[in-house]
Amino acid sequence: MSFKNNYFEGADKLTPSEKKEMLNSYNVGIIDDHEYVKAFDESQIDELEEKLIELNKELVKVEDKLKGMSAPLRAVIKEAKESIKDITKKLTVGGELVRTTCYLIPNYEEEVMGLYDSEGFLITARPLTPRERQLHINSPKHFKLN
């Protein structure tokens, strides 16, 4: 069985409510708030291309005016934009990427494996795997600080 690009192909006389009723009758599930890319029709493409041409024309005019500005001022603007981009990225991430030695430390009582940095701060925790739950002679001893 092959799928149609348009489920209602050849059924041009159906009203929107009839189409919705058919979809509700024949579906096996509904996904709410599903995101996808809906293709533009020719008129929408033409409209967007016209906007793009106009914006490019405006940009060329502004860039020509900018060429008249002094080079040091452009360097300051460039540096400020790079700083803004860097700070925004750090704020979005919520921290900065670091590369350091980390330590896996099990807590057998709570059945959790903790990942700690070299200063002893918990970075993340996860449940122990079945293999990690098996205590053996070489298992690290669990200790509590105070």
C-alpha atoms as a PDB file:
ATOM      1  CA  MET A   1       0.000   0.000   0.000  1.00  0.00           C
ATOM      2  CA  SER A   2       1.333   3.413  -0.868  1.00  0.00           C
ATOM      3  CA  PHE A   3       0.404   6.661   0.838  1.00  0.00           C
ATOM      4  CA  LYS A   4      -1.087   9.600  -1.025  1.00  0.00           C
ATOM      5  CA  ASN A   5       0.460  13.041  -0.751  1.00  0.00           C
ATOM      6  CA  ASN A   6      -3.080  14.389  -0.435  1.00  0.00           C
ATOM      7  CA  TYR A   7      -5.496  12.118   1.429  1.00  0.00           C
ATOM      8  CA  PHE A   8      -8.429  13.837  -0.284  1.00  0.00           C
ATOM      9  CA  GLU A   9      -7.009  13.736  -3.823  1.00  0.00           C
ATOM     10  CA  GLY A  10      -9.889  13.511  -6.281  1.00  0.00           C
ATOM     11  CA  ALA A  11     -12.464  14.511  -3.662  1.00  0.00           C
ATOM     12  CA  ASP A  12     -12.590  18.209  -4.530  1.00  0.00           C
ATOM     13  CA  LYS A  13     -16.287  18.574  -3.627  1.00  0.00           C
ATOM     14  CA  LEU A  14     -15.822  17.777   0.075  1.00  0.00           C
ATOM     15  CA  THR A  15     -16.308  20.635   2.507  1.00  0.00           C
ATOM     16  CA  PRO A  16     -13.721  21.285   5.242  1.00  0.00           C
ATOM     17  CA  SER A  17     -16.100  19.832   7.847  1.00  0.00           C
ATOM     18  CA  GLU A  18     -16.590  16.673   5.751  1.00  0.00           C
ATOM     19  CA  LYS A  19     -12.826  16.302   5.408  1.00  0.00           C
ATOM     20  CA  LYS A  20     -12.377  16.688   9.176  1.00  0.00           C
ATOM     21  CA  GLU A  21     -15.136  14.141   9.796  1.00  0.00           C
ATOM     22  CA  MET A  22     -13.413  11.638   7.476  1.00  0.00           C
ATOM     23  CA  LEU A  23     -10.082  12.156   9.197  1.00  0.00           C
ATOM     24  CA  ASN A  24     -11.707  11.650  12.597  1.00  0.00           C
ATOM     25  CA  SER A  25     -13.407   8.468  11.336  1.00  0.00           C
ATOM     26  CA  TYR A  26     -10.344   6.785   9.821  1.00  0.00           C
ATOM     27  CA  ASN A  27      -7.490   7.767  12.133  1.00  0.00           C
ATOM     28  CA  VAL A  28      -5.922   5.392  14.634  1.00  0.00           C
ATOM     29  CA  GLY A  29      -4.392   8.145  16.724  1.00  0.00           C
ATOM     30  CA  ILE A  30      -4.104  11.915  17.008  1.00  0.00           C
ATOM     31  CA  ILE A  31      -0.929  13.820  17.819  1.00  0.00           C
ATOM     32  CA  ASP A  32      -1.618  17.214  19.378  1.00  0.00           C
ATOM     33  CA  ASP A  33       0.775  20.123  18.709  1.00  0.00           C
ATOM     34  CA  HIS A  34       2.911  18.222  16.164  1.00  0.00           C
ATOM     35  CA  GLU A  35       5.372  20.512  14.393  1.00  0.00           C
ATOM     36  CA  TYR A  36       6.313  20.113  10.751  1.00  0.00           C
ATOM     37  CA  VAL A  37       7.353  22.239   7.779  1.00  0.00           C
ATOM     38  CA  LYS A  38       4.426  23.078   5.529  1.00  0.00           C
ATOM     39  CA  ALA A  39       5.575  23.850   1.990  1.00  0.00           C
ATOM     40  CA  PHE A  40       4.868  27.315   0.530  1.00  0.00           C
ATOM     41  CA  ASP A  41       2.677  27.742  -2.533  1.00  0.00           C
ATOM     42  CA  GLU A  42       3.949  29.738  -5.525  1.00  0.00           C
ATOM     43  CA  SER A  43       2.374  33.045  -4.443  1.00  0.00           C
ATOM     44  CA  GLN A  44       3.969  32.805  -0.997  1.00  0.00           C
ATOM     45  CA  ILE A  45       7.355  32.064  -2.571  1.00  0.00           C
ATOM     46  CA  ASP A  46       6.999  35.053  -4.909  1.00  0.00           C
ATOM     47  CA  GLU A  47       6.052  37.329  -1.991  1.00  0.00           C
ATOM     48  CA  LEU A  48       9.033  36.185   0.091  1.00  0.00           C
ATOM     49  CA  GLU A  49      11.409  36.587  -2.858  1.00  0.00           C
ATOM     50  CA  GLU A  50      10.188  40.179  -3.356  1.00  0.00           C
ATOM     51  CA  LYS A  51      10.770  40.937   0.335  1.00  0.00           C
ATOM     52  CA  LEU A  52      14.238  39.413   0.098  1.00  0.00           C
ATOM     53  CA  ILE A  53      15.133  41.588  -2.897  1.00  0.00           C
ATOM     54  CA  GLU A  54      13.908  44.748  -1.105  1.00  0.00           C
ATOM     55  CA  LEU A  55      15.811  43.890   2.072  1.00  0.00           C
ATOM     56  CA  ASN A  56      18.991  43.232   0.080  1.00  0.00           C
ATOM     57  CA  LYS A  57      18.653  46.618  -1.621  1.00  0.00           C
ATOM     58  CA  GLU A  58      18.244  48.342   1.771  1.00  0.00           C
ATOM     59  CA  LEU A  59      21.206  46.428   3.155  1.00  0.00           C
ATOM     60  CA  VAL A  60      23.447  47.535   0.288  1.00  0.00           C
ATOM     61  CA  LYS A  61      22.484  51.170   0.916  1.00  0.00           C
ATOM     62  CA  VAL A  62      23.245  50.892   4.640  1.00  0.00           C
ATOM     63  CA  GLU A  63      26.543  49.097   3.975  1.00  0.00           C
ATOM     64  CA  ASP A  64      27.563  51.871   1.579  1.00  0.00           C
ATOM     65  CA  LYS A  65      26.904  54.436   4.330  1.00  0.00           C
ATOM     66  CA  LEU A  66      28.868  52.294   6.767  1.00  0.00           C
ATOM     67  CA  LYS A  67      31.896  52.283   4.464  1.00  0.00           C
ATOM     68  CA  GLY A  68      32.138  56.007   5.051  1.00  0.00           C
ATOM     69  CA  MET A  69      32.597  55.491   8.783  1.00  0.00           C
ATOM     70  CA  SER A  70      36.061  55.252  10.221  1.00  0.00           C
ATOM     71  CA  ALA A  71      37.726  51.862  10.633  1.00  0.00           C
ATOM     72  CA  PRO A  72      38.270  52.187  14.418  1.00  0.00           C
ATOM     73  CA  LEU A  73      34.551  52.724  14.979  1.00  0.00           C
ATOM     74  CA  ARG A  74      33.725  49.601  12.955  1.00  0.00           C
ATOM     75  CA  ALA A  75      36.243  47.628  15.023  1.00  0.00           C
ATOM     76  CA  VAL A  76      34.542  48.751  18.243  1.00  0.00           C
ATOM     77  CA  ILE A  77      31.148  47.733  16.858  1.00  0.00           C
ATOM     78  CA  LYS A  78      32.492  44.342  15.779  1.00  0.00           C
ATOM     79  CA  GLU A  79      34.088  43.700  19.178  1.00  0.00           C
ATOM     80  CA  ALA A  80      30.882  44.680  21.000  1.00  0.00           C
ATOM     81  CA  LYS A  81      28.794  42.358  18.812  1.00  0.00           C
ATOM     82  CA  GLU A  82      31.177  39.451  19.453  1.00  0.00           C
ATOM     83  CA  SER A  83      31.041  40.082  23.210  1.00  0.00           C
ATOM     84  CA  ILE A  84      27.237  40.232  23.143  1.00  0.00           C
ATOM     85  CA  LYS A  85      27.104  36.971  21.184  1.00  0.00           C
ATOM     86  CA  ASP A  86      29.507  35.258  23.609  1.00  0.00           C
ATOM     87  CA  ILE A  87      27.655  36.408  26.739  1.00  0.00           C
ATOM     88  CA  THR A  88      24.270  35.487  25.245  1.00  0.00           C
ATOM     89  CA  LYS A  89      25.555  32.005  24.441  1.00  0.00           C
ATOM     90  CA  LYS A  90      26.854  31.561  28.006  1.00  0.00           C
ATOM     91  CA  LEU A  91      23.529  32.737  29.471  1.00  0.00           C
ATOM     92  CA  THR A  92      21.590  30.402  27.188  1.00  0.00           C
ATOM     93  CA  VAL A  93      23.685  27.414  28.228  1.00  0.00           C
ATOM     94  CA  GLY A  94      23.549  28.424  31.887  1.00  0.00           C
ATOM     95  CA  GLY A  95      27.263  27.966  32.460  1.00  0.00           C
ATOM     96  CA  GLU A  96      30.415  27.370  30.556  1.00  0.00           C
ATOM     97  CA  LEU A  97      31.820  24.175  29.160  1.00  0.00           C
ATOM     98  CA  VAL A  98      34.694  22.819  31.221  1.00  0.00           C
ATOM     99  CA  ARG A  99      36.860  19.764  30.754  1.00  0.00           C
ATOM    100  CA  THR A 100      38.104  18.221  33.990  1.00  0.00           C
ATOM    101  CA  THR A 101      38.584  14.939  35.780  1.00  0.00           C
ATOM    102  CA  CYS A 102      35.373  13.581  37.278  1.00  0.00           C
ATOM    103  CA  TYR A 103      34.745  10.702  39.624  1.00  0.00           C
ATOM    104  CA  LEU A 104      31.990   8.079  39.631  1.00  0.00           C
ATOM    105  CA  ILE A 105      31.011   7.329  43.227  1.00  0.00           C
ATOM    106  CA  PRO A 106      28.262   4.818  44.017  1.00  0.00           C
ATOM    107  CA  ASN A 107      25.775   5.165  46.837  1.00  0.00           C
ATOM    108  CA  TYR A 108      24.571   1.616  47.417  1.00  0.00           C
ATOM    109  CA  GLU A 109      21.998   2.603  50.033  1.00  0.00           C
ATOM    110  CA  GLU A 110      20.135   4.863  47.585  1.00  0.00           C
ATOM    111  CA  GLU A 111      21.177   2.791  44.528  1.00  0.00           C
ATOM    112  CA  VAL A 112      22.555   5.885  42.789  1.00  0.00           C
ATOM    113  CA  MET A 113      25.817   6.537  40.928  1.00  0.00           C
ATOM    114  CA  GLY A 114      27.080  10.091  41.415  1.00  0.00           C
ATOM    115  CA  LEU A 115      29.465  11.934  39.103  1.00  0.00           C
ATOM    116  CA  TYR A 116      31.590  14.383  41.119  1.00  0.00           C
ATOM    117  CA  ASP A 117      34.125  17.022  40.070  1.00  0.00           C
ATOM    118  CA  SER A 118      37.595  17.261  41.607  1.00  0.00           C
ATOM    119  CA  GLU A 119      36.256  19.625  44.293  1.00  0.00           C
ATOM    120  CA  GLY A 120      33.688  17.057  45.393  1.00  0.00           C
ATOM    121  CA  PHE A 121      30.596  18.754  43.943  1.00  0.00           C
ATOM    122  CA  LEU A 122      27.917  16.513  42.467  1.00  0.00           C
ATOM    123  CA  ILE A 123      27.599  17.130  38.747  1.00  0.00           C
ATOM    124  CA  THR A 124      24.926  14.556  37.974  1.00  0.00           C
ATOM    125  CA  ALA A 125      23.465  11.342  39.328  1.00  0.00           C
ATOM    126  CA  ARG A 126      21.829   8.309  37.806  1.00  0.00           C
ATOM    127  CA  PRO A 127      20.437   4.985  39.001  1.00  0.00           C
ATOM    128  CA  LEU A 128      22.950   2.167  39.428  1.00  0.00           C
ATOM    129  CA  THR A 129      22.995  -0.309  36.574  1.00  0.00           C
ATOM    130  CA  PRO A 130      22.233  -3.946  37.463  1.00  0.00           C
ATOM    131  CA  ARG A 131      25.936  -4.751  37.130  1.00  0.00           C
ATOM    132  CA  GLU A 132      26.908  -1.881  39.438  1.00  0.00           C
ATOM    133  CA  ARG A 133      24.443  -3.101  42.089  1.00  0.00           C
ATOM    134  CA  GLN A 134      26.373  -6.373  42.416  1.00  0.00           C
ATOM    135  CA  LEU A 135      28.745  -5.955  45.333  1.00  0.00           C
ATOM    136  CA  HIS A 136      31.999  -7.869  45.091  1.00  0.00           C
ATOM    137  CA  ILE A 137      35.338  -7.987  46.881  1.00  0.00           C
ATOM    138  CA  ASN A 138      36.740  -5.054  44.860  1.00  0.00           C
ATOM    139  CA  SER A 139      33.675  -2.819  45.350  1.00  0.00           C
ATOM    140  CA  PRO A 140      34.588   0.609  46.764  1.00  0.00           C
ATOM    141  CA  LYS A 141      33.510   1.189  50.304  1.00  0.00           C
ATOM    142  CA  HIS A 142      30.749   3.763  50.663  1.00  0.00           C
ATOM    143  CA  PHE A 143      31.529   6.437  53.203  1.00  0.00           C
ATOM    144  CA  LYS A 144      29.715   9.478  54.480  1.00  0.00           C
ATOM    145  CA  LEU A 145      31.330  12.780  55.367  1.00  0.00           C
ATOM    146  CA  ASN A 146      30.081  13.866  58.820  1.00  0.00           C
END
